[in-house]
């Protein structure tokens, strides 16, 4: 427990988002059904995370990225696993919400909430993976003095990539299921990219399915 609290304390964006999600979800549960409350809490928490993470990334320097990578190395796989599982639970809650709301006067609001959840979860996933890629880069071959061939990722024309480069890499995987002009140079990184690509496929499929569902509702 103490170790888990330390991991969260070292990740203020994630810990703040978790508090917001729990408080807002619990408050929403007083008036709405469980799936609606869960999605409300998740959406608000994810919004807080994306905003706070964006501020951190926009202000980061190479030095601070190295320092942050070392700080967050302990427990990083547990945190990543938790984030992925939470995203999958959110997708399941969307299905429950849409089925529960079918034919009710609030069906349109539920559809809007579901759409917001899919889009926010999609963005959260890629922002989260972008930070994970960045931290792996600076921990494994990223520090100065190492040759580019020893780095897990190779960004053409940039030996000291900032967070924007990793966001580019992450969102490219999310939107096109490929790594574009960035080269992966380690087996561990390729496994991480494979997992990211598979999750992106799930979310992209959810976006398509939700769009078809909304279109069918309008036509019907």
Protein backbone atom coordinates (compact mmCIF):
# COMPACT_ATOMS: atom_id res chain seq x y z
CA UNK A 1 0.00 0.00 0.00
CA UNK A 2 2.76 2.44 0.96
CA UNK A 3 4.59 1.69 -2.29
CA UNK A 4 1.42 2.31 -4.32
CA UNK A 5 0.90 5.65 -2.58
CA UNK A 6 4.50 6.59 -3.37
CA UNK A 7 3.94 5.78 -7.05
CA UNK A 8 0.84 7.99 -7.09
CA UNK A 9 2.54 10.80 -5.18
CA UNK A 10 5.28 10.86 -7.82
CA UNK A 11 2.60 11.22 -10.49
CA UNK A 12 0.57 14.33 -9.56
CA UNK A 13 -1.36 14.34 -12.85
CA UNK A 14 -2.52 10.77 -12.31
CA UNK A 15 -3.23 11.14 -8.58
CA UNK A 16 -5.23 14.35 -9.14
CA UNK A 17 -7.21 12.69 -11.92
CA UNK A 18 -7.91 9.70 -9.69
CA UNK A 19 -9.24 11.91 -6.88
CA UNK A 20 -11.46 13.86 -9.29
CA UNK A 21 -12.76 10.64 -10.86
CA UNK A 22 -13.61 9.05 -7.51
CA UNK A 23 -15.25 12.14 -6.01
CA UNK A 24 -17.27 13.07 -9.10
CA UNK A 25 -18.23 9.45 -9.75
CA UNK A 26 -19.43 9.02 -6.17
CA UNK A 27 -21.40 12.26 -6.36
CA UNK A 28 -22.99 11.27 -9.67
CA UNK A 29 -23.98 7.89 -8.20
CA UNK A 30 -26.38 9.70 -5.87
CA UNK A 31 -28.56 10.74 -8.83
CA UNK A 32 -27.70 8.47 -11.76
CA UNK A 33 -27.40 4.77 -12.51
CA UNK A 34 -23.99 3.15 -11.90
CA UNK A 35 -22.86 3.14 -15.54
CA UNK A 36 -23.66 6.85 -15.92
CA UNK A 37 -21.85 7.67 -12.69
CA UNK A 38 -18.82 5.63 -13.70
CA UNK A 39 -18.59 7.32 -17.10
CA UNK A 40 -19.06 10.77 -15.56
CA UNK A 41 -16.26 10.19 -13.07
CA UNK A 42 -14.00 8.70 -15.71
CA UNK A 43 -14.55 11.55 -18.17
CA UNK A 44 -13.82 14.25 -15.60
CA UNK A 45 -10.78 12.40 -14.29
CA UNK A 46 -9.38 11.83 -17.78
CA UNK A 47 -9.95 15.49 -18.66
CA UNK A 48 -7.96 16.57 -15.60
CA UNK A 49 -5.19 14.13 -16.47
CA UNK A 50 -4.87 15.29 -20.08
CA UNK A 51 -4.83 18.97 -19.07
CA UNK A 52 -2.26 18.51 -16.30
CA UNK A 53 -0.08 16.21 -18.38
CA UNK A 54 -0.18 18.71 -21.25
CA UNK A 55 1.11 21.46 -18.95
CA UNK A 56 3.92 19.22 -17.67
CA UNK A 57 4.94 18.17 -21.18
CA UNK A 58 4.85 21.71 -22.57
CA UNK A 59 7.27 22.90 -19.88
CA UNK A 60 9.61 19.91 -19.95
CA UNK A 61 13.27 20.09 -20.90
CA UNK A 62 15.62 17.24 -21.78
CA UNK A 63 17.07 17.43 -18.27
CA UNK A 64 13.67 17.30 -16.59
CA UNK A 65 12.60 14.41 -18.84
CA UNK A 66 15.65 12.39 -17.76
CA UNK A 67 14.97 13.17 -14.12
CA UNK A 68 11.28 12.32 -14.44
CA UNK A 69 12.08 9.06 -16.22
CA UNK A 70 14.28 7.94 -13.31
CA UNK A 71 11.68 9.03 -10.75
CA UNK A 72 8.81 7.18 -12.42
CA UNK A 73 10.70 4.03 -13.37
CA UNK A 74 9.62 2.08 -10.24
CA UNK A 75 6.08 0.84 -10.71
CA UNK A 76 5.74 2.09 -14.29
CA UNK A 77 4.42 -1.23 -15.60
CA UNK A 78 1.86 -1.51 -12.84
CA UNK A 79 0.65 2.02 -13.54
CA UNK A 80 0.47 1.35 -17.28
CA UNK A 81 -1.47 -1.88 -16.70
CA UNK A 82 -3.90 -0.06 -14.40
CA UNK A 83 -4.47 2.70 -16.95
CA UNK A 84 -5.12 0.18 -19.73
CA UNK A 85 -7.54 -1.86 -17.60
CA UNK A 86 -9.40 1.29 -16.55
CA UNK A 87 -9.77 2.28 -20.21
CA UNK A 88 -11.18 -1.15 -21.06
CA UNK A 89 -13.63 -0.91 -18.15
CA UNK A 90 -14.76 2.46 -19.52
CA UNK A 91 -15.45 0.84 -22.90
CA UNK A 92 -17.51 -1.87 -21.20
CA UNK A 93 -19.41 0.78 -19.24
CA UNK A 94 -20.26 2.53 -22.51
CA UNK A 95 -21.97 -0.62 -23.79
CA UNK A 96 -23.91 -0.99 -20.52
CA UNK A 97 -24.93 2.68 -20.61
CA UNK A 98 -26.22 2.54 -24.18
CA UNK A 99 -28.20 -0.66 -23.55
CA UNK A 100 -29.66 0.70 -20.30
CA UNK A 101 -30.69 3.99 -21.89
CA UNK A 102 -32.27 2.50 -25.00
CA UNK A 103 -35.84 3.75 -25.36
CA UNK A 104 -35.62 6.08 -22.37
CA UNK A 105 -36.18 9.87 -22.53
CA UNK A 106 -32.48 10.38 -21.78
CA UNK A 107 -31.18 8.18 -24.59
CA UNK A 108 -29.68 11.17 -26.40
CA UNK A 109 -27.79 12.31 -23.31
CA UNK A 110 -26.43 8.81 -22.80
CA UNK A 111 -25.27 8.70 -26.41
CA UNK A 112 -23.52 12.04 -25.94
CA UNK A 113 -21.86 10.81 -22.76
CA UNK A 114 -20.74 7.65 -24.53
CA UNK A 115 -19.28 9.66 -27.41
CA UNK A 116 -17.39 11.93 -25.01
CA UNK A 117 -16.06 8.90 -23.14
CA UNK A 118 -14.74 7.21 -26.28
CA UNK A 119 -13.00 10.36 -27.50
CA UNK A 120 -11.52 11.24 -24.10
CA UNK A 121 -10.38 7.66 -23.51
CA UNK A 122 -8.80 7.57 -26.96
CA UNK A 123 -6.87 10.77 -26.24
CA UNK A 124 -5.92 9.59 -22.75
CA UNK A 125 -4.53 6.34 -24.08
CA UNK A 126 -2.18 8.04 -26.54
CA UNK A 127 -1.05 10.76 -24.14
CA UNK A 128 -0.31 8.09 -21.53
CA UNK A 129 1.65 5.95 -23.97
CA UNK A 130 3.55 9.00 -25.26
CA UNK A 131 4.86 9.65 -21.76
CA UNK A 132 5.73 5.99 -21.31
CA UNK A 133 7.68 6.00 -24.59
CA UNK A 134 9.51 9.16 -23.52
CA UNK A 135 10.51 7.74 -20.16
CA UNK A 136 11.67 4.45 -21.69
CA UNK A 137 13.71 6.39 -24.22
CA UNK A 138 15.58 8.44 -21.63
CA UNK A 139 16.11 5.46 -19.35
CA UNK A 140 17.34 3.08 -22.05
CA UNK A 141 19.96 4.68 -24.24
CA UNK A 142 18.62 8.20 -24.03
CA UNK A 143 21.20 9.93 -21.82
CA UNK A 144 23.92 11.94 -23.46
CA UNK A 145 26.99 10.04 -24.51
CA UNK A 146 25.14 7.01 -25.84
CA UNK A 147 25.10 6.36 -29.56
CA UNK A 148 21.76 6.61 -31.44
CA UNK A 149 21.90 2.91 -32.25
CA UNK A 150 21.54 2.05 -28.56
CA UNK A 151 18.31 3.97 -28.13
CA UNK A 152 14.98 2.11 -28.21
CA UNK A 153 13.61 4.70 -30.67
CA UNK A 154 15.31 6.65 -33.42
CA UNK A 155 13.77 9.99 -34.43
CA UNK A 156 15.21 11.17 -37.75
CA UNK A 157 17.07 14.46 -37.38
CA UNK A 158 16.53 14.75 -33.63
CA UNK A 159 18.87 13.16 -31.10
CA UNK A 160 17.19 14.87 -28.14
CA UNK A 161 13.44 14.50 -28.72
CA UNK A 162 10.98 16.38 -26.53
CA UNK A 163 7.51 15.24 -25.51
CA UNK A 164 6.02 16.55 -28.76
CA UNK A 165 8.06 13.99 -30.69
CA UNK A 166 6.70 11.20 -28.51
CA UNK A 167 3.15 12.52 -28.87
CA UNK A 168 3.68 12.43 -32.64
CA UNK A 169 4.90 8.84 -32.39
CA UNK A 170 2.04 7.78 -30.11
CA UNK A 171 -0.80 9.42 -32.03
CA UNK A 172 0.60 8.12 -35.33
CA UNK A 173 0.27 4.59 -33.96
CA UNK A 174 -3.23 5.40 -32.72
CA UNK A 175 -4.46 6.83 -36.01
CA UNK A 176 -2.61 4.77 -38.63
CA UNK A 177 -1.45 1.61 -36.80
CA UNK A 178 2.12 2.22 -37.94
CA UNK A 179 5.23 3.94 -36.59
CA UNK A 180 5.79 6.15 -39.66
CA UNK A 181 9.38 7.45 -39.93
CA UNK A 182 10.39 6.63 -36.34
CA UNK A 183 12.44 3.44 -36.01
CA UNK A 184 12.00 1.03 -33.09
CA UNK A 185 15.33 -0.50 -32.05
CA UNK A 186 14.56 -2.85 -29.17
CA UNK A 187 12.38 -5.91 -28.63
CA UNK A 188 10.85 -4.36 -25.52
CA UNK A 189 9.80 -1.26 -27.42
CA UNK A 190 8.28 -3.35 -30.22
CA UNK A 191 6.22 -5.29 -27.68
CA UNK A 192 4.99 -2.03 -26.17
CA UNK A 193 4.10 -0.69 -29.62
CA UNK A 194 2.26 -3.95 -30.38
CA UNK A 195 0.14 -3.59 -27.24
CA UNK A 196 -0.51 0.07 -28.02
CA UNK A 197 -1.55 -0.77 -31.58
CA UNK A 198 -3.94 -3.50 -30.41
CA UNK A 199 -5.58 -1.18 -27.89
CA UNK A 200 -5.84 1.55 -30.51
CA UNK A 201 -7.65 -0.88 -32.79
CA UNK A 202 -10.19 -1.54 -30.04
CA UNK A 203 -10.82 2.15 -29.48
CA UNK A 204 -10.98 2.94 -33.20
CA UNK A 205 -13.50 0.14 -33.60
CA UNK A 206 -15.51 1.58 -30.70
CA UNK A 207 -15.51 5.01 -32.36
CA UNK A 208 -16.77 3.47 -35.60
CA UNK A 209 -19.41 1.37 -33.84
CA UNK A 210 -20.64 4.36 -31.85
CA UNK A 211 -20.86 6.46 -35.01
CA UNK A 212 -22.91 3.76 -36.74
CA UNK A 213 -25.15 3.43 -33.67
CA UNK A 214 -25.80 7.18 -33.55
CA UNK A 215 -26.45 7.33 -37.29
CA UNK A 216 -28.89 4.42 -37.06
CA UNK A 217 -30.68 6.18 -34.20
CA UNK A 218 -31.06 9.36 -36.26
CA UNK A 219 -32.36 7.45 -39.28
CA UNK A 220 -34.71 5.39 -37.12
